[in-house]
Amino acid sequence: MPSPLPHAWFEHPDGSWYRLWITHTRPKTQRGHSWHLHASYDKNRTVSPIAQTPWFEQLYGMANWDFNSKSEALAAFRERATERLAHCYELREGSISLADV
């Protein structure tokens, strides 16, 4: 079984959370992209994410960005992950380590 694409679940001390993940579609989507970055989040602490589920396999998040290459998607992933860490979020679950960000 291939390892999952980069994904990360961040949680803030105030209880808010942010999930970030990459998907790859074959063939390309109708808009012509094959790499995608997705984010789901809750700033109001109304919905709690369920741990240890394959949430990173979902094809859509609350926010979605399309890219032409894996390297572009990874760069955007790193940028958004770094933003979370800069705003006191902690990595709770994922296929990355803090050294990857």
PDB file of N, CA and C in Angstrom:
ATOM      1  N   MET A   1       0.839  -1.176   0.000  1.00  0.00           N
ATOM      2  CA  MET A   1       0.000   0.000   0.000  1.00  0.00           C
ATOM      3  C   MET A   1       0.884   1.240   0.000  1.00  0.00           C
ATOM      4  N   PRO A   2       0.667   2.179  -0.921  1.00  0.00           N
ATOM      5  CA  PRO A   2       1.501   3.376  -0.965  1.00  0.00           C
ATOM      6  C   PRO A   2       1.245   4.268   0.248  1.00  0.00           C
ATOM      7  N   SER A   3       2.271   4.991   0.643  1.00  0.00           N
ATOM      8  CA  SER A   3       2.106   5.894   1.782  1.00  0.00           C
ATOM      9  C   SER A   3       1.209   7.065   1.373  1.00  0.00           C
ATOM     10  N   PRO A   4       0.448   7.593   2.326  1.00  0.00           N
ATOM     11  CA  PRO A   4      -0.453   8.694   1.994  1.00  0.00           C
ATOM     12  C   PRO A   4       0.318   9.954   1.620  1.00  0.00           C
ATOM     13  N   LEU A   5      -0.325  10.779   0.842  1.00  0.00           N
ATOM     14  CA  LEU A   5       0.252  12.075   0.505  1.00  0.00           C
ATOM     15  C   LEU A   5       0.295  12.940   1.763  1.00  0.00           C
ATOM     16  N   PRO A   6       1.082  14.017   1.750  1.00  0.00           N
ATOM     17  CA  PRO A   6       1.202  14.852   2.947  1.00  0.00           C
ATOM     18  C   PRO A   6      -0.155  15.313   3.477  1.00  0.00           C
ATOM     19  N   HIS A   7      -0.300  15.186   4.781  1.00  0.00           N
ATOM     20  CA  HIS A   7      -1.499  15.662   5.463  1.00  0.00           C
ATOM     21  C   HIS A   7      -1.121  16.000   6.900  1.00  0.00           C
ATOM     22  N   ALA A   8      -1.866  16.926   7.487  1.00  0.00           N
ATOM     23  CA  ALA A   8      -1.576  17.346   8.854  1.00  0.00           C
ATOM     24  C   ALA A   8      -2.839  17.872   9.524  1.00  0.00           C
ATOM     25  N   TRP A   9      -2.975  17.523  10.778  1.00  0.00           N
ATOM     26  CA  TRP A   9      -4.066  18.026  11.604  1.00  0.00           C
ATOM     27  C   TRP A   9      -3.421  18.849  12.706  1.00  0.00           C
ATOM     28  N   PHE A  10      -3.759  20.133  12.731  1.00  0.00           N
ATOM     29  CA  PHE A  10      -3.226  21.058  13.716  1.00  0.00           C
ATOM     30  C   PHE A  10      -4.328  21.442  14.697  1.00  0.00           C
ATOM     31  N   GLU A  11      -3.945  21.632  15.955  1.00  0.00           N
ATOM     32  CA  GLU A  11      -4.909  22.077  16.959  1.00  0.00           C
ATOM     33  C   GLU A  11      -4.318  23.245  17.736  1.00  0.00           C
ATOM     34  N   HIS A  12      -5.162  24.219  18.027  1.00  0.00           N
ATOM     35  CA  HIS A  12      -4.762  25.414  18.776  1.00  0.00           C
ATOM     36  C   HIS A  12      -5.118  25.219  20.251  1.00  0.00           C
ATOM     37  N   PRO A  13      -4.383  25.840  21.166  1.00  0.00           N
ATOM     38  CA  PRO A  13      -4.732  25.719  22.590  1.00  0.00           C
ATOM     39  C   PRO A  13      -6.162  26.165  22.914  1.00  0.00           C
ATOM     40  N   ASP A  14      -6.742  27.038  22.091  1.00  0.00           N
ATOM     41  CA  ASP A  14      -8.119  27.482  22.346  1.00  0.00           C
ATOM     42  C   ASP A  14      -9.169  26.470  21.878  1.00  0.00           C
ATOM     43  N   GLY A  15      -8.723  25.337  21.295  1.00  0.00           N
ATOM     44  CA  GLY A  15      -9.632  24.286  20.857  1.00  0.00           C
ATOM     45  C   GLY A  15      -9.954  24.307  19.376  1.00  0.00           C
ATOM     46  N   SER A  16      -9.600  25.367  18.671  1.00  0.00           N
ATOM     47  CA  SER A  16      -9.841  25.383  17.230  1.00  0.00           C
ATOM     48  C   SER A  16      -8.846  24.455  16.545  1.00  0.00           C
ATOM     49  N   TRP A  17      -9.202  23.999  15.341  1.00  0.00           N
ATOM     50  CA  TRP A  17      -8.349  23.044  14.627  1.00  0.00           C
ATOM     51  C   TRP A  17      -8.324  23.372  13.132  1.00  0.00           C
ATOM     52  N   TYR A  18      -7.340  22.782  12.448  1.00  0.00           N
ATOM     53  CA  TYR A  18      -7.118  23.022  11.020  1.00  0.00           C
ATOM     54  C   TYR A  18      -6.520  21.758  10.431  1.00  0.00           C
ATOM     55  N   ARG A  19      -7.172  21.202   9.416  1.00  0.00           N
ATOM     56  CA  ARG A  19      -6.637  20.032   8.710  1.00  0.00           C
ATOM     57  C   ARG A  19      -6.232  20.448   7.302  1.00  0.00           C
ATOM     58  N   LEU A  20      -5.124  19.915   6.865  1.00  0.00           N
ATOM     59  CA  LEU A  20      -4.537  20.271   5.573  1.00  0.00           C
ATOM     60  C   LEU A  20      -4.082  18.991   4.899  1.00  0.00           C
ATOM     61  N   TRP A  21      -4.447  18.788   3.609  1.00  0.00           N
ATOM     62  CA  TRP A  21      -4.033  17.566   2.916  1.00  0.00           C
ATOM     63  C   TRP A  21      -3.971  17.772   1.410  1.00  0.00           C
ATOM     64  N   ILE A  22      -3.188  16.919   0.774  1.00  0.00           N
ATOM     65  CA  ILE A  22      -2.988  16.949  -0.679  1.00  0.00           C
ATOM     66  C   ILE A  22      -3.635  15.703  -1.279  1.00  0.00           C
ATOM     67  N   THR A  23      -4.274  15.884  -2.442  1.00  0.00           N
ATOM     68  CA  THR A  23      -4.775  14.746  -3.210  1.00  0.00           C
ATOM     69  C   THR A  23      -4.266  14.855  -4.638  1.00  0.00           C
ATOM     70  N   HIS A  24      -4.257  13.713  -5.310  1.00  0.00           N
ATOM     71  CA  HIS A  24      -3.828  13.646  -6.699  1.00  0.00           C
ATOM     72  C   HIS A  24      -4.920  12.936  -7.490  1.00  0.00           C
ATOM     73  N   THR A  25      -5.406  13.549  -8.551  1.00  0.00           N
ATOM     74  CA  THR A  25      -6.474  12.950  -9.355  1.00  0.00           C
ATOM     75  C   THR A  25      -5.950  12.545 -10.723  1.00  0.00           C
ATOM     76  N   ARG A  26      -6.394  11.382 -11.169  1.00  0.00           N
ATOM     77  CA  ARG A  26      -6.078  10.898 -12.508  1.00  0.00           C
ATOM     78  C   ARG A  26      -7.375  10.417 -13.122  1.00  0.00           C
ATOM     79  N   PRO A  27      -7.817  10.896 -14.230  1.00  0.00           N
ATOM     80  CA  PRO A  27      -7.176  11.964 -15.003  1.00  0.00           C
ATOM     81  C   PRO A  27      -7.345  13.310 -14.315  1.00  0.00           C
ATOM     82  N   LYS A  28      -6.833  14.336 -14.940  1.00  0.00           N
ATOM     83  CA  LYS A  28      -6.958  15.681 -14.397  1.00  0.00           C
ATOM     84  C   LYS A  28      -8.428  16.043 -14.246  1.00  0.00           C
ATOM     85  N   THR A  29      -8.693  17.000 -13.377  1.00  0.00           N
ATOM     86  CA  THR A  29     -10.062  17.478 -13.215  1.00  0.00           C
ATOM     87  C   THR A  29     -10.489  18.245 -14.461  1.00  0.00           C
ATOM     88  N   GLN A  30     -11.761  18.574 -14.542  1.00  0.00           N
ATOM     89  CA  GLN A  30     -12.275  19.310 -15.695  1.00  0.00           C
ATOM     90  C   GLN A  30     -11.576  20.653 -15.855  1.00  0.00           C
ATOM     91  N   ARG A  31     -11.090  21.204 -14.759  1.00  0.00           N
ATOM     92  CA  ARG A  31     -10.376  22.489 -14.833  1.00  0.00           C
ATOM     93  C   ARG A  31      -8.925  22.306 -15.240  1.00  0.00           C
ATOM     94  N   GLY A  32      -8.490  21.052 -15.439  1.00  0.00           N
ATOM     95  CA  GLY A  32      -7.161  20.799 -15.969  1.00  0.00           C
ATOM     96  C   GLY A  32      -6.049  20.621 -14.963  1.00  0.00           C
ATOM     97  N   HIS A  33      -6.370  20.346 -13.716  1.00  0.00           N
ATOM     98  CA  HIS A  33      -5.349  20.171 -12.684  1.00  0.00           C
ATOM     99  C   HIS A  33      -5.390  18.749 -12.131  1.00  0.00           C
ATOM    100  N   SER A  34      -4.226  18.267 -11.735  1.00  0.00           N
ATOM    101  CA  SER A  34      -4.187  16.925 -11.152  1.00  0.00           C
ATOM    102  C   SER A  34      -3.727  16.914  -9.689  1.00  0.00           C
ATOM    103  N   TRP A  35      -3.239  18.036  -9.184  1.00  0.00           N
ATOM    104  CA  TRP A  35      -2.790  18.119  -7.792  1.00  0.00           C
ATOM    105  C   TRP A  35      -3.653  19.123  -7.056  1.00  0.00           C
ATOM    106  N   HIS A  36      -4.025  18.783  -5.813  1.00  0.00           N
ATOM    107  CA  HIS A  36      -4.970  19.602  -5.075  1.00  0.00           C
ATOM    108  C   HIS A  36      -4.563  19.693  -3.604  1.00  0.00           C
ATOM    109  N   LEU A  37      -4.750  20.865  -3.035  1.00  0.00           N
ATOM    110  CA  LEU A  37      -4.539  21.086  -1.612  1.00  0.00           C
ATOM    111  C   LEU A  37      -5.890  21.437  -1.011  1.00  0.00           C
ATOM    112  N   HIS A  38      -6.196  20.837   0.130  1.00  0.00           N
ATOM    113  CA  HIS A  38      -7.490  21.041   0.776  1.00  0.00           C
ATOM    114  C   HIS A  38      -7.270  21.434   2.235  1.00  0.00           C
ATOM    115  N   ALA A  39      -8.212  22.191   2.759  1.00  0.00           N
ATOM    116  CA  ALA A  39      -8.194  22.551   4.174  1.00  0.00           C
ATOM    117  C   ALA A  39      -9.610  22.501   4.726  1.00  0.00           C
ATOM    118  N   SER A  40      -9.727  22.010   5.934  1.00  0.00           N
ATOM    119  CA  SER A  40     -10.959  22.082   6.709  1.00  0.00           C
ATOM    120  C   SER A  40     -10.560  22.594   8.082  1.00  0.00           C
ATOM    121  N   TYR A  41     -11.454  23.326   8.709  1.00  0.00           N
ATOM    122  CA  TYR A  41     -11.102  23.975   9.963  1.00  0.00           C
ATOM    123  C   TYR A  41     -12.347  24.314  10.758  1.00  0.00           C
ATOM    124  N   ASP A  42     -12.140  24.639  12.025  1.00  0.00           N
ATOM    125  CA  ASP A  42     -13.224  25.099  12.882  1.00  0.00           C
ATOM    126  C   ASP A  42     -12.623  26.053  13.906  1.00  0.00           C
ATOM    127  N   LYS A  43     -12.919  27.318  13.752  1.00  0.00           N
ATOM    128  CA  LYS A  43     -12.442  28.340  14.685  1.00  0.00           C
ATOM    129  C   LYS A  43     -13.386  28.517  15.869  1.00  0.00           C
ATOM    130  N   ASN A  44     -14.621  28.003  15.757  1.00  0.00           N
ATOM    131  CA  ASN A  44     -15.634  28.221  16.791  1.00  0.00           C
ATOM    132  C   ASN A  44     -15.802  27.046  17.735  1.00  0.00           C
ATOM    133  N   ARG A  45     -15.044  25.976  17.517  1.00  0.00           N
ATOM    134  CA  ARG A  45     -15.087  24.781  18.356  1.00  0.00           C
ATOM    135  C   ARG A  45     -16.477  24.150  18.394  1.00  0.00           C
ATOM    136  N   THR A  46     -17.187  24.189  17.276  1.00  0.00           N
ATOM    137  CA  THR A  46     -18.520  23.610  17.220  1.00  0.00           C
ATOM    138  C   THR A  46     -18.495  22.156  16.760  1.00  0.00           C
ATOM    139  N   VAL A  47     -17.473  21.771  15.990  1.00  0.00           N
ATOM    140  CA  VAL A  47     -17.350  20.415  15.469  1.00  0.00           C
ATOM    141  C   VAL A  47     -15.974  19.879  15.856  1.00  0.00           C
ATOM    142  N   SER A  48     -15.947  18.728  16.461  1.00  0.00           N
ATOM    143  CA  SER A  48     -14.663  18.101  16.813  1.00  0.00           C
ATOM    144  C   SER A  48     -14.287  17.084  15.747  1.00  0.00           C
ATOM    145  N   PRO A  49     -13.062  17.133  15.261  1.00  0.00           N
ATOM    146  CA  PRO A  49     -12.632  16.136  14.276  1.00  0.00           C
ATOM    147  C   PRO A  49     -12.458  14.774  14.942  1.00  0.00           C
ATOM    148  N   ILE A  50     -12.646  13.738  14.154  1.00  0.00           N
ATOM    149  CA  ILE A  50     -12.479  12.374  14.641  1.00  0.00           C
ATOM    150  C   ILE A  50     -11.070  11.911  14.287  1.00  0.00           C
ATOM    151  N   ALA A  51     -10.319  11.494  15.278  1.00  0.00           N
ATOM    152  CA  ALA A  51      -8.936  11.060  15.070  1.00  0.00           C
ATOM    153  C   ALA A  51      -8.890   9.665  14.453  1.00  0.00           C
ATOM    154  N   GLN A  52      -7.785   9.373  13.819  1.00  0.00           N
ATOM    155  CA  GLN A  52      -7.461   8.061  13.253  1.00  0.00           C
ATOM    156  C   GLN A  52      -8.490   7.574  12.234  1.00  0.00           C
ATOM    157  N   THR A  53      -9.033   8.490  11.465  1.00  0.00           N
ATOM    158  CA  THR A  53      -9.887   8.153  10.324  1.00  0.00           C
ATOM    159  C   THR A  53      -9.159   8.638   9.077  1.00  0.00           C
ATOM    160  N   PRO A  54      -9.456   8.095   7.911  1.00  0.00           N
ATOM    161  CA  PRO A  54      -8.756   8.538   6.688  1.00  0.00           C
ATOM    162  C   PRO A  54      -9.335   9.847   6.120  1.00  0.00           C
ATOM    163  N   TRP A  55      -9.420  10.877   6.944  1.00  0.00           N
ATOM    164  CA  TRP A  55      -9.960  12.169   6.522  1.00  0.00           C
ATOM    165  C   TRP A  55      -9.164  12.757   5.368  1.00  0.00           C
ATOM    166  N   PHE A  56      -7.899  12.415   5.272  1.00  0.00           N
ATOM    167  CA  PHE A  56      -7.003  12.950   4.243  1.00  0.00           C
ATOM    168  C   PHE A  56      -7.265  12.338   2.866  1.00  0.00           C
ATOM    169  N   GLU A  57      -8.206  11.408   2.776  1.00  0.00           N
ATOM    170  CA  GLU A  57      -8.582  10.837   1.480  1.00  0.00           C
ATOM    171  C   GLU A  57      -9.782  11.556   0.856  1.00  0.00           C
ATOM    172  N   GLN A  58     -10.393  12.469   1.597  1.00  0.00           N
ATOM    173  CA  GLN A  58     -11.529  13.213   1.060  1.00  0.00           C
ATOM    174  C   GLN A  58     -11.073  14.073  -0.117  1.00  0.00           C
ATOM    175  N   LEU A  59     -11.928  14.173  -1.119  1.00  0.00           N
ATOM    176  CA  LEU A  59     -11.565  14.911  -2.328  1.00  0.00           C
ATOM    177  C   LEU A  59     -11.821  16.406  -2.229  1.00  0.00           C
ATOM    178  N   TYR A  60     -12.510  16.839  -1.184  1.00  0.00           N
ATOM    179  CA  TYR A  60     -12.787  18.261  -1.008  1.00  0.00           C
ATOM    180  C   TYR A  60     -12.712  18.628   0.456  1.00  0.00           C
ATOM    181  N   GLY A  61     -12.299  19.853   0.703  1.00  0.00           N
ATOM    182  CA  GLY A  61     -12.317  20.407   2.042  1.00  0.00           C
ATOM    183  C   GLY A  61     -13.194  21.647   2.035  1.00  0.00           C
ATOM    184  N   MET A  62     -13.118  22.430   3.083  1.00  0.00           N
ATOM    185  CA  MET A  62     -13.852  23.689   3.131  1.00  0.00           C
ATOM    186  C   MET A  62     -13.213  24.700   2.193  1.00  0.00           C
ATOM    187  N   ALA A  63     -11.916  24.572   1.991  1.00  0.00           N
ATOM    188  CA  ALA A  63     -11.169  25.394   1.033  1.00  0.00           C
ATOM    189  C   ALA A  63     -10.340  24.442   0.181  1.00  0.00           C
ATOM    190  N   ASN A  64     -10.215  24.754  -1.111  1.00  0.00           N
ATOM    191  CA  ASN A  64      -9.518  23.871  -2.050  1.00  0.00           C
ATOM    192  C   ASN A  64      -8.731  24.697  -3.051  1.00  0.00           C
ATOM    193  N   TRP A  65      -7.505  24.257  -3.344  1.00  0.00           N
ATOM    194  CA  TRP A  65      -6.656  24.926  -4.308  1.00  0.00           C
ATOM    195  C   TRP A  65      -6.140  23.895  -5.302  1.00  0.00           C
ATOM    196  N   ASP A  66      -6.018  24.263  -6.559  1.00  0.00           N
ATOM    197  CA  ASP A  66      -5.562  23.361  -7.617  1.00  0.00           C
ATOM    198  C   ASP A  66      -4.169  23.748  -8.090  1.00  0.00           C
ATOM    199  N   PHE A  67      -3.373  22.726  -8.453  1.00  0.00           N
ATOM    200  CA  PHE A  67      -2.002  22.950  -8.912  1.00  0.00           C
ATOM    201  C   PHE A  67      -1.686  22.040 -10.082  1.00  0.00           C
ATOM    202  N   ASN A  68      -0.720  22.455 -10.882  1.00  0.00           N
ATOM    203  CA  ASN A  68      -0.301  21.675 -12.042  1.00  0.00           C
ATOM    204  C   ASN A  68       0.754  20.632 -11.706  1.00  0.00           C
ATOM    205  N   SER A  69       1.436  20.805 -10.566  1.00  0.00           N
ATOM    206  CA  SER A  69       2.512  19.871 -10.222  1.00  0.00           C
ATOM    207  C   SER A  69       2.509  19.564  -8.726  1.00  0.00           C
ATOM    208  N   LYS A  70       3.116  18.440  -8.401  1.00  0.00           N
ATOM    209  CA  LYS A  70       3.244  18.044  -7.000  1.00  0.00           C
ATOM    210  C   LYS A  70       4.087  19.052  -6.231  1.00  0.00           C
ATOM    211  N   SER A  71       5.125  19.560  -6.858  1.00  0.00           N
ATOM    212  CA  SER A  71       5.998  20.516  -6.168  1.00  0.00           C
ATOM    213  C   SER A  71       5.251  21.798  -5.806  1.00  0.00           C
ATOM    214  N   GLU A  72       4.345  22.252  -6.661  1.00  0.00           N
ATOM    215  CA  GLU A  72       3.542  23.442  -6.349  1.00  0.00           C
ATOM    216  C   GLU A  72       2.607  23.159  -5.171  1.00  0.00           C
ATOM    217  N   ALA A  73       1.976  21.991  -5.172  1.00  0.00           N
ATOM    218  CA  ALA A  73       1.080  21.622  -4.085  1.00  0.00           C
ATOM    219  C   ALA A  73       1.849  21.500  -2.767  1.00  0.00           C
ATOM    220  N   LEU A  74       3.039  20.897  -2.807  1.00  0.00           N
ATOM    221  CA  LEU A  74       3.853  20.759  -1.599  1.00  0.00           C
ATOM    222  C   LEU A  74       4.292  22.114  -1.058  1.00  0.00           C
ATOM    223  N   ALA A  75       4.651  23.034  -1.936  1.00  0.00           N
ATOM    224  CA  ALA A  75       5.056  24.373  -1.501  1.00  0.00           C
ATOM    225  C   ALA A  75       3.894  25.080  -0.800  1.00  0.00           C
ATOM    226  N   ALA A  76       2.702  24.968  -1.353  1.00  0.00           N
ATOM    227  CA  ALA A  76       1.525  25.587  -0.739  1.00  0.00           C
ATOM    228  C   ALA A  76       1.199  24.908   0.590  1.00  0.00           C
ATOM    229  N   PHE A  77       1.346  23.586   0.649  1.00  0.00           N
ATOM    230  CA  PHE A  77       1.136  22.841   1.892  1.00  0.00           C
ATOM    231  C   PHE A  77       2.090  23.355   2.973  1.00  0.00           C
ATOM    232  N   ARG A  78       3.370  23.457   2.640  1.00  0.00           N
ATOM    233  CA  ARG A  78       4.374  23.917   3.615  1.00  0.00           C
ATOM    234  C   ARG A  78       4.068  25.337   4.090  1.00  0.00           C
ATOM    235  N   GLU A  79       3.669  26.197   3.151  1.00  0.00           N
ATOM    236  CA  GLU A  79       3.358  27.580   3.510  1.00  0.00           C
ATOM    237  C   GLU A  79       2.210  27.641   4.524  1.00  0.00           C
ATOM    238  N   ARG A  80       1.141  26.936   4.258  1.00  0.00           N
ATOM    239  CA  ARG A  80      -0.012  26.963   5.163  1.00  0.00           C
ATOM    240  C   ARG A  80       0.286  26.254   6.480  1.00  0.00           C
ATOM    241  N   ALA A  81       1.056  25.184   6.446  1.00  0.00           N
ATOM    242  CA  ALA A  81       1.442  24.505   7.680  1.00  0.00           C
ATOM    243  C   ALA A  81       2.315  25.413   8.544  1.00  0.00           C
ATOM    244  N   THR A  82       3.232  26.105   7.927  1.00  0.00           N
ATOM    245  CA  THR A  82       4.100  27.040   8.647  1.00  0.00           C
ATOM    246  C   THR A  82       3.279  28.155   9.285  1.00  0.00           C
ATOM    247  N   GLU A  83       2.274  28.640   8.569  1.00  0.00           N
ATOM    248  CA  GLU A  83       1.380  29.671   9.132  1.00  0.00           C
ATOM    249  C   GLU A  83       0.685  29.166  10.388  1.00  0.00           C
ATOM    250  N   ARG A  84       0.209  27.929  10.358  1.00  0.00           N
ATOM    251  CA  ARG A  84      -0.465  27.369  11.540  1.00  0.00           C
ATOM    252  C   ARG A  84       0.501  27.331  12.724  1.00  0.00           C
ATOM    253  N   LEU A  85       1.709  26.837  12.495  1.00  0.00           N
ATOM    254  CA  LEU A  85       2.689  26.739  13.574  1.00  0.00           C
ATOM    255  C   LEU A  85       3.045  28.120  14.122  1.00  0.00           C
ATOM    256  N   ALA A  86       3.123  29.113  13.250  1.00  0.00           N
ATOM    257  CA  ALA A  86       3.431  30.481  13.678  1.00  0.00           C
ATOM    258  C   ALA A  86       2.311  31.076  14.529  1.00  0.00           C
ATOM    259  N   HIS A  87       1.098  30.521  14.395  1.00  0.00           N
ATOM    260  CA  HIS A  87      -0.044  31.011  15.166  1.00  0.00           C
ATOM    261  C   HIS A  87      -0.391  30.073  16.331  1.00  0.00           C
ATOM    262  N   CYS A  88       0.637  29.383  16.846  1.00  0.00           N
ATOM    263  CA  CYS A  88       0.549  28.556  18.060  1.00  0.00           C
ATOM    264  C   CYS A  88      -0.256  27.269  17.909  1.00  0.00           C
ATOM    265  N   TYR A  89      -0.518  26.821  16.675  1.00  0.00           N
ATOM    266  CA  TYR A  89      -1.152  25.521  16.494  1.00  0.00           C
ATOM    267  C   TYR A  89      -0.097  24.445  16.714  1.00  0.00           C
ATOM    268  N   GLU A  90      -0.520  23.277  17.177  1.00  0.00           N
ATOM    269  CA  GLU A  90       0.374  22.140  17.365  1.00  0.00           C
ATOM    270  C   GLU A  90      -0.041  21.016  16.428  1.00  0.00           C
ATOM    271  N   LEU A  91       0.939  20.315  15.899  1.00  0.00           N
ATOM    272  CA  LEU A  91       0.667  19.173  15.038  1.00  0.00           C
ATOM    273  C   LEU A  91       0.145  18.023  15.885  1.00  0.00           C
ATOM    274  N   ARG A  92      -1.063  17.518  15.573  1.00  0.00           N
ATOM    275  CA  ARG A  92      -1.686  16.440  16.331  1.00  0.00           C
ATOM    276  C   ARG A  92      -1.617  15.101  15.616  1.00  0.00           C
ATOM    277  N   GLU A  93      -1.725  15.132  14.292  1.00  0.00           N
ATOM    278  CA  GLU A  93      -1.763  13.894  13.504  1.00  0.00           C
ATOM    279  C   GLU A  93      -1.325  14.243  12.085  1.00  0.00           C
ATOM    280  N   GLY A  94      -0.676  13.301  11.418  1.00  0.00           N
ATOM    281  CA  GLY A  94      -0.326  13.555  10.040  1.00  0.00           C
ATOM    282  C   GLY A  94       0.814  12.702   9.529  1.00  0.00           C
ATOM    283  N   SER A  95       1.127  12.915   8.261  1.00  0.00           N
ATOM    284  CA  SER A  95       2.195  12.151   7.620  1.00  0.00           C
ATOM    285  C   SER A  95       3.480  12.961   7.537  1.00  0.00           C
ATOM    286  N   ILE A  96       3.525  14.064   8.261  1.00  0.00           N
ATOM    287  CA  ILE A  96       4.716  14.930   8.236  1.00  0.00           C
ATOM    288  C   ILE A  96       5.267  15.037   9.636  1.00  0.00           C
ATOM    289  N   SER A  97       6.500  15.484   9.708  1.00  0.00           N
ATOM    290  CA  SER A  97       7.070  15.842  11.002  1.00  0.00           C
ATOM    291  C   SER A  97       7.310  17.351  10.967  1.00  0.00           C
ATOM    292  N   LEU A  98       7.551  17.926  12.098  1.00  0.00           N
ATOM    293  CA  LEU A  98       7.786  19.368  12.125  1.00  0.00           C
ATOM    294  C   LEU A  98       9.022  19.740  11.318  1.00  0.00           C
ATOM    295  N   ALA A  99       9.942  18.809  11.143  1.00  0.00           N
ATOM    296  CA  ALA A  99      11.140  19.069  10.350  1.00  0.00           C
ATOM    297  C   ALA A  99      10.807  19.229   8.870  1.00  0.00           C
ATOM    298  N   ASP A 100       9.656  18.668   8.436  1.00  0.00           N
ATOM    299  CA  ASP A 100       9.250  18.766   7.036  1.00  0.00           C
ATOM    300  C   ASP A 100       8.674  20.130   6.694  1.00  0.00           C
ATOM    301  N   VAL A 101       8.254  20.870   7.707  1.00  0.00           N
ATOM    302  CA  VAL A 101       7.575  22.143   7.471  1.00  0.00           C
ATOM    303  C   VAL A 101       8.573  23.271   7.447  1.00  0.00           C
TER     304      VAL A 101
END
